[in-house]
Protein backbone atom coordinates (compact mmCIF):
# COMPACT_ATOMS: atom_id res chain seq x y z
CA MET A 1 78.99 -136.28 100.19
CA ALA A 2 78.70 -136.95 96.47
CA TYR A 3 77.27 -133.74 95.06
CA ASN A 4 76.36 -135.29 91.72
CA ALA A 5 74.17 -137.86 93.48
CA MET A 6 72.54 -135.03 95.45
CA VAL A 7 71.82 -133.14 92.23
CA LEU A 8 70.27 -136.23 90.65
CA MET A 9 68.11 -136.79 93.73
CA GLY A 10 67.08 -133.14 93.75
CA ARG A 11 66.00 -133.41 90.11
CA SER A 12 64.05 -136.64 90.62
CA GLN A 13 60.36 -135.76 90.46
CA SER A 14 59.35 -139.13 91.84
CA LEU A 15 61.62 -138.74 94.88
CA ARG A 16 60.32 -135.21 95.37
CA ASP A 17 56.75 -136.55 95.25
CA ARG A 18 57.58 -139.16 97.90
CA ILE A 19 59.12 -136.47 100.12
CA THR A 20 56.01 -134.33 99.66
CA ALA A 21 53.78 -137.28 100.59
CA ALA A 22 55.85 -137.88 103.74
CA ALA A 23 55.59 -134.20 104.65
CA ALA A 24 51.82 -134.30 104.21
CA GLU A 25 51.58 -137.46 106.31
CA ALA A 26 53.64 -135.75 109.01
CA GLY A 27 51.06 -132.96 109.14
CA ILE A 28 53.33 -130.30 107.71
CA ALA A 29 51.25 -127.38 106.47
CA ASN A 30 51.51 -126.74 102.73
CA PRO A 31 53.82 -129.71 102.02
CA ASP A 32 54.57 -128.67 98.42
CA ASN A 33 56.02 -125.36 99.56
CA TRP A 34 57.80 -127.03 102.49
CA VAL A 35 59.54 -129.41 100.08
CA SER A 36 60.51 -126.54 97.79
CA VAL A 37 62.24 -124.86 100.73
CA ASN A 38 63.71 -128.00 102.35
CA LEU A 39 64.46 -130.34 99.43
CA TRP A 40 68.24 -129.84 99.50
CA LYS A 41 68.37 -130.38 103.24
CA VAL A 42 66.47 -133.66 102.81
CA VAL A 43 68.56 -135.01 99.91
CA ALA A 44 71.71 -134.08 101.85
CA THR A 45 70.71 -136.62 104.51
CA GLU A 46 73.80 -138.60 105.43
CA GLY A 47 74.04 -141.84 103.51
CA TRP A 48 71.50 -141.01 100.83
CA ASP A 49 74.17 -140.06 98.30
CA ALA A 50 75.89 -143.43 98.70
CA LYS A 51 72.61 -145.34 98.33
CA TRP A 52 71.72 -143.37 95.21
CA GLN A 53 75.17 -143.71 93.67
CA TYR A 54 75.19 -147.45 94.37
CA ALA A 55 71.88 -147.78 92.51
CA VAL A 56 73.24 -145.74 89.59
CA ASP A 57 76.42 -147.81 89.43
CA ASN A 58 74.54 -151.12 89.61
CA LEU A 59 71.55 -150.38 87.38
CA THR A 60 70.53 -153.34 85.25
CA VAL A 61 68.11 -153.60 82.36
CA ASN A 62 65.66 -155.41 84.65
CA ALA A 63 65.57 -152.62 87.25
CA ASN A 64 63.31 -149.59 87.13
CA PRO A 65 65.57 -146.74 85.97
CA ASP A 66 63.45 -144.22 87.93
CA LEU A 67 65.51 -144.41 91.11
CA GLY A 68 63.28 -141.92 92.92
CA VAL A 69 60.36 -144.30 92.93
CA ARG A 70 62.39 -147.29 94.08
CA ASP A 71 61.97 -148.08 97.77
CA ASP A 72 65.07 -150.28 97.59
CA VAL A 73 67.20 -147.19 96.89
CA ILE A 74 65.75 -144.66 99.34
CA SER A 75 63.20 -146.39 101.56
CA ASP A 76 59.97 -144.85 102.79
CA SER A 77 61.41 -145.07 106.30
CA ASP A 78 64.44 -143.09 105.11
CA VAL A 79 62.15 -140.44 103.64
CA GLN A 80 60.02 -140.21 106.79
CA ALA A 81 63.10 -139.87 109.02
CA ALA A 82 64.68 -137.22 106.79
CA VAL A 83 61.47 -135.19 106.67
CA ALA A 84 61.16 -135.36 110.46
CA ALA A 85 64.79 -134.27 110.88
CA ALA A 86 64.45 -131.41 108.40
CA ASN A 87 61.26 -130.21 110.08
CA THR A 88 62.86 -129.53 113.45
């Protein structure tokens, strides 16, 4: 686990917003508070750190530098699965 990648994901407001949206879609009550409590568990999902670090290491001037909004870094399916796993 690359802790620096986890910290960057945890600080990404756009990724946090996507996690909140997935929590709301999953019917989790008070999704903003749920994300505040469970954010680190979600960003610690196995494999996310490698995906994030790969995007950081391969960022080009033509790519959106806001990695949290990029579905090619952490996909919506990844977010949905991580939210479901953290909500058990």
